[in-house]
Amino acid sequence: MKPIITYEDFDKLDLRVGTVIDCVEKEGSEKLLRLTVDFGEEGTRNILSGIKQWYKPGDLKGKQFAFVFNLAPRKMMGEDSEGMILAADGKKPLPLKPRSKAEAGAQIG
């Protein structure tokens, strides 16, 4: 288990629903997919995710998932990743998604 955090720490997270409008394999990487994610009024962002061994771009394109929206950009293979997809850990990561269609950019929590 990770350390216990306060509600104030949790409240700093900006979790949002995003719609994957494009997804491609990151050139030169065995692990990364580049997701172009629509967050509605907040615009689009590129998010790199190390899930290539389990998912093909077509598995994600056009679908909605939960993302950490306010994560500081992280340089990965020369490109900024501007967020993080939330996924349940296991033998195969399971990206978290809304039960029914939500507005792109909708806040979670």
C-alpha atoms as a PDB file:
ATOM      1  CA  MET A   1       0.000   0.000   0.000  1.00  0.00           C
ATOM      2  CA  LYS A   2       1.150   3.514  -0.749  1.00  0.00           C
ATOM      3  CA  PRO A   3       1.303   6.117   2.030  1.00  0.00           C
ATOM      4  CA  ILE A   4      -1.974   7.512   3.392  1.00  0.00           C
ATOM      5  CA  ILE A   5      -2.744  10.959   1.995  1.00  0.00           C
ATOM      6  CA  THR A   6      -5.032  13.711   3.203  1.00  0.00           C
ATOM      7  CA  TYR A   7      -8.226  14.766   1.472  1.00  0.00           C
ATOM      8  CA  GLU A   8      -6.430  17.988   0.540  1.00  0.00           C
ATOM      9  CA  ASP A   9      -3.789  15.932  -1.316  1.00  0.00           C
ATOM     10  CA  PHE A  10      -6.484  13.958  -3.157  1.00  0.00           C
ATOM     11  CA  ASP A  11      -8.387  17.152  -3.963  1.00  0.00           C
ATOM     12  CA  LYS A  12      -5.363  18.418  -5.931  1.00  0.00           C
ATOM     13  CA  LEU A  13      -6.000  15.791  -8.612  1.00  0.00           C
ATOM     14  CA  ASP A  14      -8.018  16.899 -11.625  1.00  0.00           C
ATOM     15  CA  LEU A  15      -9.551  13.690 -12.971  1.00  0.00           C
ATOM     16  CA  ARG A  16     -11.476  13.987 -16.230  1.00  0.00           C
ATOM     17  CA  VAL A  17     -13.155  11.944 -18.919  1.00  0.00           C
ATOM     18  CA  GLY A  18     -11.408  12.198 -22.257  1.00  0.00           C
ATOM     19  CA  THR A  19     -12.296  10.846 -25.688  1.00  0.00           C
ATOM     20  CA  VAL A  20      -9.430   9.248 -27.627  1.00  0.00           C
ATOM     21  CA  ILE A  21      -9.673  10.824 -31.082  1.00  0.00           C
ATOM     22  CA  ASP A  22      -6.446   9.294 -32.390  1.00  0.00           C
ATOM     23  CA  CYS A  23      -4.047   6.604 -31.232  1.00  0.00           C
ATOM     24  CA  VAL A  24      -0.801   5.516 -32.884  1.00  0.00           C
ATOM     25  CA  GLU A  25       2.234   3.479 -31.966  1.00  0.00           C
ATOM     26  CA  LYS A  26       5.085   5.717 -30.794  1.00  0.00           C
ATOM     27  CA  GLU A  27       7.812   5.344 -33.390  1.00  0.00           C
ATOM     28  CA  GLY A  28      10.892   3.619 -31.998  1.00  0.00           C
ATOM     29  CA  SER A  29       9.168   2.365 -28.843  1.00  0.00           C
ATOM     30  CA  GLU A  30       8.209  -1.191 -27.947  1.00  0.00           C
ATOM     31  CA  LYS A  31       5.914  -0.028 -25.114  1.00  0.00           C
ATOM     32  CA  LEU A  32       4.318   3.322 -25.923  1.00  0.00           C
ATOM     33  CA  LEU A  33       1.121   4.383 -27.630  1.00  0.00           C
ATOM     34  CA  ARG A  34       0.454   8.081 -28.332  1.00  0.00           C
ATOM     35  CA  LEU A  35      -3.147   8.971 -27.565  1.00  0.00           C
ATOM     36  CA  THR A  36      -4.603  12.250 -28.805  1.00  0.00           C
ATOM     37  CA  VAL A  37      -7.349  12.950 -26.298  1.00  0.00           C
ATOM     38  CA  ASP A  38     -10.246  15.398 -26.579  1.00  0.00           C
ATOM     39  CA  PHE A  39     -11.113  17.086 -23.290  1.00  0.00           C
ATOM     40  CA  GLY A  40     -13.930  19.260 -24.648  1.00  0.00           C
ATOM     41  CA  GLU A  41     -13.567  22.951 -23.774  1.00  0.00           C
ATOM     42  CA  GLU A  42     -10.104  22.211 -22.317  1.00  0.00           C
ATOM     43  CA  GLY A  43      -8.834  21.194 -25.783  1.00  0.00           C
ATOM     44  CA  THR A  44      -6.807  18.201 -26.891  1.00  0.00           C
ATOM     45  CA  ARG A  45      -3.682  16.690 -25.379  1.00  0.00           C
ATOM     46  CA  ASN A  46      -1.143  14.076 -26.371  1.00  0.00           C
ATOM     47  CA  ILE A  47      -0.727  11.383 -23.741  1.00  0.00           C
ATOM     48  CA  LEU A  48       1.844   8.608 -23.993  1.00  0.00           C
ATOM     49  CA  SER A  49       0.982   5.328 -22.324  1.00  0.00           C
ATOM     50  CA  GLY A  50       3.057   2.161 -21.901  1.00  0.00           C
ATOM     51  CA  ILE A  51       0.247  -0.222 -22.853  1.00  0.00           C
ATOM     52  CA  LYS A  52       1.285  -1.163 -26.398  1.00  0.00           C
ATOM     53  CA  GLN A  53       1.903  -4.832 -25.567  1.00  0.00           C
ATOM     54  CA  TRP A  54      -1.753  -5.243 -24.537  1.00  0.00           C
ATOM     55  CA  TYR A  55      -3.636  -2.837 -26.813  1.00  0.00           C
ATOM     56  CA  LYS A  56      -3.675  -1.867 -30.464  1.00  0.00           C
ATOM     57  CA  PRO A  57      -4.502   1.717 -31.457  1.00  0.00           C
ATOM     58  CA  GLY A  58      -7.912   0.612 -32.758  1.00  0.00           C
ATOM     59  CA  ASP A  59      -8.805  -0.763 -29.313  1.00  0.00           C
ATOM     60  CA  LEU A  60      -8.712   2.758 -27.860  1.00  0.00           C
ATOM     61  CA  LYS A  61      -9.629   5.106 -30.707  1.00  0.00           C
ATOM     62  CA  GLY A  62     -13.103   6.591 -30.353  1.00  0.00           C
ATOM     63  CA  LYS A  63     -13.523   5.436 -26.753  1.00  0.00           C
ATOM     64  CA  GLN A  64     -13.692   7.347 -23.486  1.00  0.00           C
ATOM     65  CA  PHE A  65     -11.465   6.798 -20.468  1.00  0.00           C
ATOM     66  CA  ALA A  66     -10.540   8.453 -17.168  1.00  0.00           C
ATOM     67  CA  PHE A  67      -7.381  10.570 -17.119  1.00  0.00           C
ATOM     68  CA  VAL A  68      -5.276  12.556 -14.667  1.00  0.00           C
ATOM     69  CA  PHE A  69      -5.597  15.945 -16.349  1.00  0.00           C
ATOM     70  CA  ASN A  70      -3.343  18.162 -14.219  1.00  0.00           C
ATOM     71  CA  LEU A  71      -0.224  15.983 -14.176  1.00  0.00           C
ATOM     72  CA  ALA A  72       2.914  17.953 -15.058  1.00  0.00           C
ATOM     73  CA  PRO A  73       4.134  17.146 -18.602  1.00  0.00           C
ATOM     74  CA  ARG A  74       6.732  14.381 -18.729  1.00  0.00           C
ATOM     75  CA  LYS A  75       9.254  13.980 -21.536  1.00  0.00           C
ATOM     76  CA  MET A  76       9.148  10.437 -22.960  1.00  0.00           C
ATOM     77  CA  MET A  77      11.303   9.520 -25.955  1.00  0.00           C
ATOM     78  CA  GLY A  78      11.667  13.189 -26.880  1.00  0.00           C
ATOM     79  CA  GLU A  79       7.951  14.006 -26.649  1.00  0.00           C
ATOM     80  CA  ASP A  80       5.856  15.542 -23.882  1.00  0.00           C
ATOM     81  CA  SER A  81       3.127  13.398 -22.354  1.00  0.00           C
ATOM     82  CA  GLU A  82       0.451  15.753 -21.021  1.00  0.00           C
ATOM     83  CA  GLY A  83      -1.497  13.520 -18.634  1.00  0.00           C
ATOM     84  CA  MET A  84      -2.059   9.896 -17.675  1.00  0.00           C
ATOM     85  CA  ILE A  85      -4.729   7.346 -18.450  1.00  0.00           C
ATOM     86  CA  LEU A  86      -6.061   5.648 -15.309  1.00  0.00           C
ATOM     87  CA  ALA A  87      -5.989   1.854 -15.401  1.00  0.00           C
ATOM     88  CA  ALA A  88      -6.544  -0.989 -12.971  1.00  0.00           C
ATOM     89  CA  ASP A  89      -3.333  -2.954 -12.457  1.00  0.00           C
ATOM     90  CA  GLY A  90      -3.128  -6.673 -13.175  1.00  0.00           C
ATOM     91  CA  LYS A  91      -1.787  -9.082 -15.761  1.00  0.00           C
ATOM     92  CA  LYS A  92      -3.230  -6.681 -18.325  1.00  0.00           C
ATOM     93  CA  PRO A  93      -3.887  -3.032 -17.379  1.00  0.00           C
ATOM     94  CA  LEU A  94      -7.588  -2.203 -17.651  1.00  0.00           C
ATOM     95  CA  PRO A  95      -8.183   1.447 -18.572  1.00  0.00           C
ATOM     96  CA  LEU A  96     -11.029   2.889 -16.513  1.00  0.00           C
ATOM     97  CA  LYS A  97     -13.981   4.107 -18.534  1.00  0.00           C
ATOM     98  CA  PRO A  98     -17.389   5.615 -17.853  1.00  0.00           C
ATOM     99  CA  ARG A  99     -20.300   3.190 -17.809  1.00  0.00           C
ATOM    100  CA  SER A 100     -22.107   5.322 -20.383  1.00  0.00           C
ATOM    101  CA  LYS A 101     -21.057   8.157 -22.688  1.00  0.00           C
ATOM    102  CA  ALA A 102     -19.980  11.303 -20.854  1.00  0.00           C
ATOM    103  CA  GLU A 103     -19.183  14.775 -22.077  1.00  0.00           C
ATOM    104  CA  ALA A 104     -15.515  15.062 -23.088  1.00  0.00           C
ATOM    105  CA  GLY A 105     -13.712  16.946 -20.322  1.00  0.00           C
ATOM    106  CA  ALA A 106     -16.272  16.072 -17.624  1.00  0.00           C
ATOM    107  CA  GLN A 107     -14.698  16.183 -14.182  1.00  0.00           C
ATOM    108  CA  ILE A 108     -14.626  13.016 -12.091  1.00  0.00           C
ATOM    109  CA  GLY A 109     -15.350  13.265  -8.383  1.00  0.00           C
END
